[in-house]
Amino acid sequence: MIPKLVSPALGSKLKGMLAPTALGALIAPWLLSGCASGFMEGLAYTSPEDLAKRGDLVQGPELEKLVQGANVTRRHPDGYVHTWTNRQDGTFVAHTASSFTWGNGTWSIFDNQYCISIRWITKDNGYIGTESGCNGVYAMDGKTYYAPTPISVSRKGARYSEIRFD
C-alpha cells in the first residue's frame, strides 16, 4: 500500500515498489538538504576587515574546552555545510549536508589553532581528495569563525564563515 502522504499521481508511479523505500527515497534528499534544517541557513559570514578589528583569537585552555567533544558545524568556502563530532581520541566522521559525501577526519590543536584533516569520500566516486589545514578560531559578536592566523585584510572579497562548537 502507498502511504497517504504521496499524491495519487505519484502513487501510481510507485506501485510495485516498497512504500517505505520509495517514501524514504523521496524524503532523504530533502532531509539532507539545507532546506530541511534552519541551522545551516543561520551560519554567518564576516569579512577579514571586521574579524581583524573586532574578533578575538580563542587560545589555550579556552580553545581546548571549546573544541574537545564538540559537535561541529561549518560552511566550507565551496558552500557546503559539514558537520561532525570531535571525539576525545582526535578523530571524527564528517558529513556534508546537501550531498552523499562524507569523510574520515582527525582534529588537533597546534600553536593555538584548530587543525583538521579530512579524507573525503562520495557515494558514487569513492575517494575524492583530502582537506587539511590549521586556522584560528575567532570569537566575535557571540559567534565563532574559522580563519587564518594572522588575518590578512589585503584579501579583497574574502569572507570567513562561522563555525559552531556545540
N, C-alpha and C. Protein backbone atom coordinates (compact mmCIF):
# COMPACT_ATOMS: atom_id res chain seq x y z
N MET A 1 0.84 -1.18 0.00
CA MET A 1 0.00 0.00 0.00
C MET A 1 0.88 1.24 0.00
N ILE A 2 0.55 2.26 -0.83
CA ILE A 2 1.28 3.52 -0.90
C ILE A 2 0.80 4.42 0.23
N PRO A 3 1.70 5.03 0.99
CA PRO A 3 1.29 5.90 2.09
C PRO A 3 0.45 7.07 1.60
N LYS A 4 -0.43 7.57 2.47
CA LYS A 4 -1.31 8.68 2.13
C LYS A 4 -0.55 9.98 1.87
N LEU A 5 0.71 10.06 2.31
CA LEU A 5 1.49 11.26 2.11
C LEU A 5 1.86 11.48 0.64
N VAL A 6 1.74 10.44 -0.17
CA VAL A 6 2.11 10.51 -1.57
C VAL A 6 0.86 10.84 -2.39
N SER A 7 0.99 11.75 -3.36
CA SER A 7 -0.15 12.12 -4.20
C SER A 7 -0.60 10.93 -5.03
N PRO A 8 -1.90 10.90 -5.48
CA PRO A 8 -2.38 9.78 -6.30
C PRO A 8 -1.56 9.61 -7.57
N ALA A 9 -1.14 10.70 -8.22
CA ALA A 9 -0.36 10.59 -9.45
C ALA A 9 0.99 9.93 -9.18
N LEU A 10 1.66 10.37 -8.12
CA LEU A 10 2.94 9.79 -7.77
C LEU A 10 2.74 8.37 -7.26
N GLY A 11 1.65 8.14 -6.53
CA GLY A 11 1.35 6.82 -6.00
C GLY A 11 1.26 5.78 -7.10
N SER A 12 0.63 6.14 -8.23
CA SER A 12 0.50 5.18 -9.32
C SER A 12 1.87 4.86 -9.91
N LYS A 13 2.80 5.80 -9.89
CA LYS A 13 4.15 5.55 -10.39
C LYS A 13 4.94 4.66 -9.44
N LEU A 14 4.57 4.68 -8.17
CA LEU A 14 5.31 3.93 -7.17
C LEU A 14 4.76 2.52 -6.97
N LYS A 15 3.64 2.17 -7.60
CA LYS A 15 3.07 0.83 -7.42
C LYS A 15 4.11 -0.22 -7.76
N GLY A 16 4.12 -1.24 -6.99
CA GLY A 16 5.09 -2.31 -7.20
C GLY A 16 6.38 -2.08 -6.43
N MET A 17 6.58 -0.88 -5.92
CA MET A 17 7.77 -0.60 -5.11
C MET A 17 7.39 -0.74 -3.65
N LEU A 18 8.33 -0.97 -2.81
CA LEU A 18 8.05 -0.98 -1.38
C LEU A 18 7.82 0.45 -0.94
N ALA A 19 6.70 0.72 -0.36
CA ALA A 19 6.34 2.09 0.02
C ALA A 19 7.36 2.73 0.95
N PRO A 20 7.83 2.05 2.01
CA PRO A 20 8.80 2.71 2.88
C PRO A 20 10.08 3.10 2.13
N THR A 21 10.52 2.23 1.21
CA THR A 21 11.72 2.53 0.44
C THR A 21 11.48 3.72 -0.47
N ALA A 22 10.33 3.73 -1.16
CA ALA A 22 10.02 4.83 -2.06
C ALA A 22 9.86 6.13 -1.29
N LEU A 23 9.16 6.07 -0.18
CA LEU A 23 8.98 7.28 0.63
C LEU A 23 10.32 7.77 1.16
N GLY A 24 11.16 6.85 1.61
CA GLY A 24 12.48 7.23 2.09
C GLY A 24 13.31 7.88 1.00
N ALA A 25 13.21 7.35 -0.22
CA ALA A 25 13.95 7.92 -1.34
C ALA A 25 13.48 9.33 -1.66
N LEU A 26 12.19 9.60 -1.41
CA LEU A 26 11.66 10.93 -1.67
C LEU A 26 12.05 11.92 -0.58
N ILE A 27 12.09 11.43 0.65
CA ILE A 27 12.32 12.33 1.78
C ILE A 27 13.80 12.53 2.07
N ALA A 28 14.64 11.51 1.87
CA ALA A 28 16.06 11.60 2.24
C ALA A 28 16.78 12.79 1.63
N PRO A 29 16.65 13.04 0.31
CA PRO A 29 17.36 14.21 -0.23
C PRO A 29 16.91 15.52 0.41
N TRP A 30 15.63 15.62 0.72
CA TRP A 30 15.13 16.84 1.35
C TRP A 30 15.70 16.99 2.76
N LEU A 31 15.73 15.88 3.50
CA LEU A 31 16.25 15.93 4.86
C LEU A 31 17.73 16.29 4.87
N LEU A 32 18.47 15.84 3.85
CA LEU A 32 19.89 16.11 3.80
C LEU A 32 20.22 17.47 3.21
N SER A 33 19.24 18.14 2.66
CA SER A 33 19.49 19.44 2.04
C SER A 33 19.41 20.56 3.07
N GLY A 34 19.92 21.70 2.71
CA GLY A 34 19.88 22.87 3.57
C GLY A 34 18.47 23.35 3.83
N CYS A 35 17.52 22.99 2.97
CA CYS A 35 16.14 23.44 3.13
C CYS A 35 15.48 22.84 4.36
N ALA A 36 15.92 21.66 4.75
CA ALA A 36 15.24 20.96 5.83
C ALA A 36 15.64 21.44 7.21
N SER A 37 16.79 22.04 7.34
CA SER A 37 17.22 22.41 8.68
C SER A 37 17.73 23.84 8.71
N GLY A 38 17.13 24.62 9.56
CA GLY A 38 17.45 26.03 9.66
C GLY A 38 18.84 26.32 10.17
N PHE A 39 19.50 25.34 10.85
CA PHE A 39 20.82 25.64 11.39
C PHE A 39 21.79 25.99 10.28
N MET A 40 21.59 25.45 9.10
CA MET A 40 22.51 25.70 8.01
C MET A 40 22.36 27.12 7.47
N GLU A 41 21.13 27.59 7.43
CA GLU A 41 20.87 28.91 6.89
C GLU A 41 21.39 30.00 7.82
N GLY A 42 21.51 29.69 9.11
CA GLY A 42 21.88 30.70 10.07
C GLY A 42 23.37 30.92 10.24
N LEU A 43 24.21 30.18 9.51
CA LEU A 43 25.65 30.37 9.64
C LEU A 43 26.05 31.70 9.02
N ALA A 44 26.74 32.51 9.80
CA ALA A 44 27.10 33.87 9.37
C ALA A 44 28.43 33.88 8.62
N TYR A 45 28.63 34.93 7.86
CA TYR A 45 29.91 35.22 7.23
C TYR A 45 30.42 36.55 7.76
N THR A 46 31.72 36.74 7.70
CA THR A 46 32.30 38.03 8.06
C THR A 46 33.48 38.31 7.14
N SER A 47 33.84 39.56 7.06
CA SER A 47 34.97 39.97 6.22
C SER A 47 36.26 39.91 7.03
N PRO A 48 37.40 39.82 6.34
CA PRO A 48 38.68 39.86 7.06
C PRO A 48 38.84 41.16 7.85
N GLU A 49 38.34 42.27 7.30
CA GLU A 49 38.46 43.56 7.98
C GLU A 49 37.73 43.55 9.32
N ASP A 50 36.47 43.08 9.32
CA ASP A 50 35.69 43.02 10.56
C ASP A 50 36.33 42.08 11.58
N LEU A 51 36.78 40.92 11.11
CA LEU A 51 37.36 39.94 12.02
C LEU A 51 38.66 40.47 12.61
N ALA A 52 39.47 41.15 11.80
CA ALA A 52 40.72 41.71 12.30
C ALA A 52 40.47 42.82 13.32
N LYS A 53 39.44 43.62 13.11
CA LYS A 53 39.15 44.75 14.01
C LYS A 53 38.46 44.31 15.30
N ARG A 54 37.49 43.39 15.17
CA ARG A 54 36.61 43.10 16.31
C ARG A 54 36.71 41.68 16.85
N GLY A 55 37.39 40.79 16.12
CA GLY A 55 37.48 39.40 16.56
C GLY A 55 38.58 39.17 17.57
N ASP A 56 38.35 38.23 18.46
CA ASP A 56 39.36 37.84 19.45
C ASP A 56 39.74 36.38 19.21
N LEU A 57 41.04 36.13 19.04
CA LEU A 57 41.52 34.77 18.83
C LEU A 57 41.31 33.97 20.11
N VAL A 58 40.63 32.83 20.00
CA VAL A 58 40.41 31.93 21.14
C VAL A 58 41.67 31.09 21.27
N GLN A 59 42.25 31.04 22.49
CA GLN A 59 43.54 30.39 22.67
C GLN A 59 43.58 29.53 23.93
N GLY A 60 44.62 28.70 24.00
CA GLY A 60 44.93 27.93 25.20
C GLY A 60 43.81 27.06 25.70
N PRO A 61 43.65 27.01 27.04
CA PRO A 61 42.63 26.15 27.64
C PRO A 61 41.21 26.48 27.15
N GLU A 62 40.96 27.75 26.82
CA GLU A 62 39.64 28.13 26.32
C GLU A 62 39.36 27.46 24.97
N LEU A 63 40.36 27.41 24.09
CA LEU A 63 40.20 26.74 22.80
C LEU A 63 40.01 25.24 22.99
N GLU A 64 40.82 24.64 23.86
CA GLU A 64 40.70 23.20 24.12
C GLU A 64 39.31 22.86 24.64
N LYS A 65 38.82 23.64 25.57
CA LYS A 65 37.48 23.40 26.14
C LYS A 65 36.40 23.55 25.08
N LEU A 66 36.57 24.51 24.18
CA LEU A 66 35.59 24.77 23.13
C LEU A 66 35.48 23.62 22.14
N VAL A 67 36.61 23.04 21.72
CA VAL A 67 36.59 22.06 20.63
C VAL A 67 36.51 20.60 21.07
N GLN A 68 37.02 20.26 22.26
CA GLN A 68 37.03 18.86 22.70
C GLN A 68 35.61 18.33 22.89
N GLY A 69 35.28 17.26 22.17
CA GLY A 69 33.97 16.63 22.30
C GLY A 69 32.83 17.41 21.65
N ALA A 70 33.15 18.50 20.97
CA ALA A 70 32.11 19.37 20.40
C ALA A 70 31.47 18.78 19.15
N ASN A 71 30.19 19.10 18.98
CA ASN A 71 29.50 18.86 17.71
C ASN A 71 29.78 20.09 16.85
N VAL A 72 30.47 19.89 15.73
CA VAL A 72 30.96 20.99 14.90
C VAL A 72 30.07 21.14 13.67
N THR A 73 29.73 22.39 13.34
CA THR A 73 29.02 22.72 12.11
C THR A 73 29.76 23.88 11.47
N ARG A 74 30.07 23.72 10.20
CA ARG A 74 30.75 24.81 9.50
C ARG A 74 30.33 24.82 8.03
N ARG A 75 30.40 26.00 7.43
CA ARG A 75 30.16 26.13 5.99
C ARG A 75 31.53 26.30 5.34
N HIS A 76 31.86 25.37 4.47
CA HIS A 76 33.13 25.39 3.74
C HIS A 76 33.08 26.51 2.71
N PRO A 77 34.22 27.05 2.30
CA PRO A 77 34.21 28.10 1.28
C PRO A 77 33.50 27.70 -0.02
N ASP A 78 33.42 26.39 -0.30
CA ASP A 78 32.71 25.95 -1.51
C ASP A 78 31.19 25.97 -1.33
N GLY A 79 30.73 26.34 -0.13
CA GLY A 79 29.30 26.48 0.12
C GLY A 79 28.66 25.31 0.85
N TYR A 80 29.30 24.16 0.87
CA TYR A 80 28.73 23.00 1.54
C TYR A 80 28.80 23.16 3.06
N VAL A 81 27.78 22.64 3.74
CA VAL A 81 27.77 22.64 5.19
C VAL A 81 28.20 21.26 5.66
N HIS A 82 29.21 21.23 6.53
CA HIS A 82 29.74 19.99 7.07
C HIS A 82 29.48 19.93 8.57
N THR A 83 29.21 18.73 9.06
CA THR A 83 29.01 18.51 10.49
C THR A 83 29.82 17.30 10.93
N TRP A 84 30.28 17.35 12.17
CA TRP A 84 30.96 16.20 12.77
C TRP A 84 31.04 16.41 14.28
N THR A 85 31.44 15.36 14.97
CA THR A 85 31.66 15.42 16.42
C THR A 85 33.12 15.10 16.70
N ASN A 86 33.80 16.02 17.37
CA ASN A 86 35.20 15.81 17.75
C ASN A 86 35.26 14.76 18.85
N ARG A 87 35.78 13.60 18.53
CA ARG A 87 35.94 12.55 19.54
C ARG A 87 37.18 12.84 20.38
N GLN A 88 37.19 12.31 21.58
CA GLN A 88 38.31 12.52 22.50
C GLN A 88 39.62 11.97 21.94
N ASP A 89 39.55 10.96 21.06
CA ASP A 89 40.78 10.37 20.51
C ASP A 89 41.33 11.15 19.32
N GLY A 90 40.73 12.30 18.99
CA GLY A 90 41.23 13.13 17.90
C GLY A 90 40.69 12.77 16.52
N THR A 91 39.63 11.96 16.46
CA THR A 91 39.05 11.57 15.18
C THR A 91 37.62 12.07 15.07
N PHE A 92 37.07 12.02 13.86
CA PHE A 92 35.66 12.31 13.62
C PHE A 92 35.27 11.78 12.25
N VAL A 93 33.97 11.70 12.01
CA VAL A 93 33.44 11.39 10.69
C VAL A 93 32.61 12.59 10.27
N ALA A 94 33.02 13.24 9.20
CA ALA A 94 32.34 14.44 8.71
C ALA A 94 31.26 14.05 7.71
N HIS A 95 30.18 14.80 7.72
CA HIS A 95 29.08 14.60 6.78
C HIS A 95 28.81 15.91 6.07
N THR A 96 28.46 15.83 4.79
CA THR A 96 28.08 17.01 4.03
C THR A 96 26.58 17.01 3.95
N ALA A 97 25.95 18.12 4.33
CA ALA A 97 24.51 18.18 4.48
C ALA A 97 23.75 18.03 3.17
N SER A 98 24.27 18.49 2.06
CA SER A 98 23.46 18.50 0.85
C SER A 98 23.96 17.55 -0.23
N SER A 99 24.74 16.54 0.15
CA SER A 99 25.17 15.55 -0.83
C SER A 99 25.55 14.27 -0.09
N PHE A 100 25.81 13.23 -0.85
CA PHE A 100 26.21 11.97 -0.25
C PHE A 100 27.73 11.91 -0.19
N THR A 101 28.30 12.86 0.55
CA THR A 101 29.74 12.96 0.72
C THR A 101 30.03 12.94 2.22
N TRP A 102 31.04 12.20 2.60
CA TRP A 102 31.45 12.14 3.99
C TRP A 102 32.96 11.97 4.02
N GLY A 103 33.53 12.05 5.20
CA GLY A 103 34.97 11.88 5.29
C GLY A 103 35.41 11.46 6.67
N ASN A 104 36.47 10.66 6.69
CA ASN A 104 37.12 10.30 7.95
C ASN A 104 38.12 11.39 8.26
N GLY A 105 38.07 11.91 9.47
CA GLY A 105 38.92 13.04 9.79
C GLY A 105 39.64 12.91 11.11
N THR A 106 40.60 13.80 11.26
CA THR A 106 41.29 13.95 12.54
C THR A 106 41.31 15.43 12.88
N TRP A 107 41.35 15.72 14.17
CA TRP A 107 41.43 17.10 14.64
C TRP A 107 42.50 17.19 15.72
N SER A 108 43.06 18.37 15.85
CA SER A 108 44.04 18.62 16.90
C SER A 108 44.14 20.12 17.13
N ILE A 109 44.84 20.48 18.17
CA ILE A 109 45.14 21.88 18.44
C ILE A 109 46.65 22.01 18.37
N PHE A 110 47.11 22.93 17.53
CA PHE A 110 48.54 23.15 17.36
C PHE A 110 48.79 24.65 17.28
N ASP A 111 49.65 25.16 18.12
CA ASP A 111 50.03 26.57 18.09
C ASP A 111 48.81 27.49 18.15
N ASN A 112 47.88 27.16 19.05
CA ASN A 112 46.64 27.94 19.24
C ASN A 112 45.76 27.99 17.99
N GLN A 113 45.84 26.93 17.18
CA GLN A 113 44.98 26.83 16.00
C GLN A 113 44.25 25.48 16.03
N TYR A 114 43.06 25.47 15.47
CA TYR A 114 42.26 24.26 15.34
C TYR A 114 42.62 23.64 13.99
N CYS A 115 43.17 22.45 14.04
CA CYS A 115 43.65 21.77 12.83
C CYS A 115 42.74 20.60 12.50
N ILE A 116 42.42 20.47 11.22
CA ILE A 116 41.61 19.34 10.76
C ILE A 116 42.23 18.74 9.51
N SER A 117 42.01 17.47 9.33
CA SER A 117 42.37 16.76 8.12
C SER A 117 41.22 15.81 7.82
N ILE A 118 40.68 15.91 6.60
CA ILE A 118 39.52 15.08 6.23
C ILE A 118 39.81 14.39 4.91
N ARG A 119 39.64 13.09 4.88
CA ARG A 119 39.75 12.30 3.65
C ARG A 119 38.33 12.12 3.10
N TRP A 120 37.98 12.93 2.09
CA TRP A 120 36.61 12.98 1.57
C TRP A 120 36.30 11.81 0.64
N ILE A 121 35.06 11.28 0.79
CA ILE A 121 34.59 10.13 0.04
C ILE A 121 33.17 10.44 -0.46
N THR A 122 32.84 10.02 -1.68
CA THR A 122 31.46 10.16 -2.16
C THR A 122 30.85 8.79 -2.40
N LYS A 123 29.54 8.77 -2.40
CA LYS A 123 28.79 7.53 -2.62
C LYS A 123 29.13 6.93 -3.98
N ASP A 124 29.23 7.77 -5.00
CA ASP A 124 29.42 7.28 -6.36
C ASP A 124 30.87 7.15 -6.80
N ASN A 125 31.75 8.01 -6.29
CA ASN A 125 33.11 8.06 -6.80
C ASN A 125 34.19 7.59 -5.83
N GLY A 126 33.83 7.25 -4.61
CA GLY A 126 34.84 6.85 -3.65
C GLY A 126 35.68 8.04 -3.20
N TYR A 127 36.96 7.79 -2.98
CA TYR A 127 37.87 8.84 -2.50
C TYR A 127 37.98 9.97 -3.53
N ILE A 128 37.80 11.22 -3.06
CA ILE A 128 37.88 12.36 -3.99
C ILE A 128 38.91 13.40 -3.58
N GLY A 129 39.52 13.27 -2.43
CA GLY A 129 40.55 14.23 -2.05
C GLY A 129 40.66 14.41 -0.56
N THR A 130 41.69 15.11 -0.16
CA THR A 130 41.95 15.37 1.26
C THR A 130 41.97 16.87 1.51
N GLU A 131 41.31 17.27 2.56
CA GLU A 131 41.33 18.66 3.03
C GLU A 131 42.14 18.67 4.31
N SER A 132 43.08 19.58 4.41
CA SER A 132 43.92 19.60 5.59
C SER A 132 44.39 21.03 5.86
N GLY A 133 44.39 21.42 7.13
CA GLY A 133 44.90 22.74 7.47
C GLY A 133 44.61 23.13 8.90
N CYS A 134 45.25 24.21 9.30
CA CYS A 134 45.08 24.77 10.64
C CYS A 134 44.67 26.23 10.51
N ASN A 135 43.69 26.63 11.27
CA ASN A 135 43.23 28.01 11.30
C ASN A 135 42.91 28.41 12.73
N GLY A 136 42.84 29.70 12.93
CA GLY A 136 42.44 30.21 14.22
C GLY A 136 40.94 30.17 14.37
N VAL A 137 40.50 30.12 15.61
CA VAL A 137 39.08 30.24 15.93
C VAL A 137 38.93 31.60 16.61
N TYR A 138 38.10 32.45 16.01
CA TYR A 138 37.91 33.82 16.49
C TYR A 138 36.51 33.99 17.06
N ALA A 139 36.40 34.67 18.18
CA ALA A 139 35.11 34.99 18.77
C ALA A 139 34.76 36.43 18.41
N MET A 140 33.53 36.63 17.92
CA MET A 140 33.07 37.97 17.58
C MET A 140 31.55 37.99 17.60
N ASP A 141 30.98 38.92 18.32
CA ASP A 141 29.53 39.11 18.37
C ASP A 141 28.77 37.83 18.75
N GLY A 142 29.31 37.07 19.69
CA GLY A 142 28.64 35.87 20.16
C GLY A 142 28.74 34.67 19.23
N LYS A 143 29.56 34.76 18.19
CA LYS A 143 29.75 33.67 17.24
C LYS A 143 31.25 33.34 17.17
N THR A 144 31.57 32.18 16.59
CA THR A 144 32.97 31.83 16.36
C THR A 144 33.18 31.65 14.86
N TYR A 145 34.36 32.06 14.40
CA TYR A 145 34.72 31.99 12.98
C TYR A 145 36.04 31.26 12.83
N TYR A 146 36.21 30.58 11.71
CA TYR A 146 37.40 29.79 11.39
C TYR A 146 38.15 30.54 10.30
N ALA A 147 39.33 31.07 10.63
CA ALA A 147 40.06 31.92 9.68
C ALA A 147 41.56 31.81 9.94
N PRO A 148 42.37 32.15 8.93
CA PRO A 148 43.82 32.07 9.09
C PRO A 148 44.34 32.99 10.20
N THR A 149 45.49 32.61 10.75
CA THR A 149 46.19 33.49 11.69
C THR A 149 47.56 33.77 11.12
N PRO A 150 47.96 35.01 11.07
CA PRO A 150 47.13 36.19 11.32
C PRO A 150 46.18 36.43 10.16
N ILE A 151 45.18 37.25 10.39
CA ILE A 151 44.21 37.59 9.36
C ILE A 151 44.83 38.60 8.41
N SER A 152 44.72 38.34 7.13
CA SER A 152 45.23 39.26 6.12
C SER A 152 44.08 40.08 5.56
N VAL A 153 44.06 41.37 5.85
CA VAL A 153 42.98 42.24 5.35
C VAL A 153 43.19 42.59 3.88
N SER A 154 44.32 42.21 3.32
CA SER A 154 44.57 42.51 1.91
C SER A 154 43.85 41.55 0.97
N ARG A 155 43.23 40.51 1.51
CA ARG A 155 42.49 39.55 0.67
C ARG A 155 41.12 40.13 0.34
N LYS A 156 41.07 40.96 -0.67
CA LYS A 156 39.82 41.63 -1.08
C LYS A 156 38.80 40.59 -1.53
N GLY A 157 37.59 40.77 -1.07
CA GLY A 157 36.50 39.87 -1.43
C GLY A 157 36.45 38.59 -0.62
N ALA A 158 37.44 38.39 0.24
CA ALA A 158 37.44 37.18 1.06
C ALA A 158 36.36 37.29 2.13
N ARG A 159 35.87 36.15 2.56
CA ARG A 159 34.93 36.12 3.68
C ARG A 159 35.15 34.82 4.43
N TYR A 160 34.92 34.90 5.72
CA TYR A 160 35.12 33.75 6.58
C TYR A 160 33.79 33.34 7.19
N SER A 161 33.61 32.04 7.29
CA SER A 161 32.34 31.50 7.77
C SER A 161 32.38 31.21 9.26
N GLU A 162 31.22 31.34 9.84
CA GLU A 162 31.04 30.93 11.23
C GLU A 162 31.27 29.43 11.33
N ILE A 163 31.84 29.01 12.45
CA ILE A 163 31.96 27.60 12.79
C ILE A 163 31.37 27.45 14.18
N ARG A 164 30.54 26.45 14.35
CA ARG A 164 29.86 26.25 15.65
C ARG A 164 30.41 25.03 16.35
N PHE A 165 30.63 25.20 17.63
CA PHE A 165 31.07 24.12 18.52
C PHE A 165 30.01 23.98 19.60
N ASP A 166 29.11 23.04 19.45
CA ASP A 166 28.01 22.85 20.42
C ASP A 166 28.29 21.64 21.29
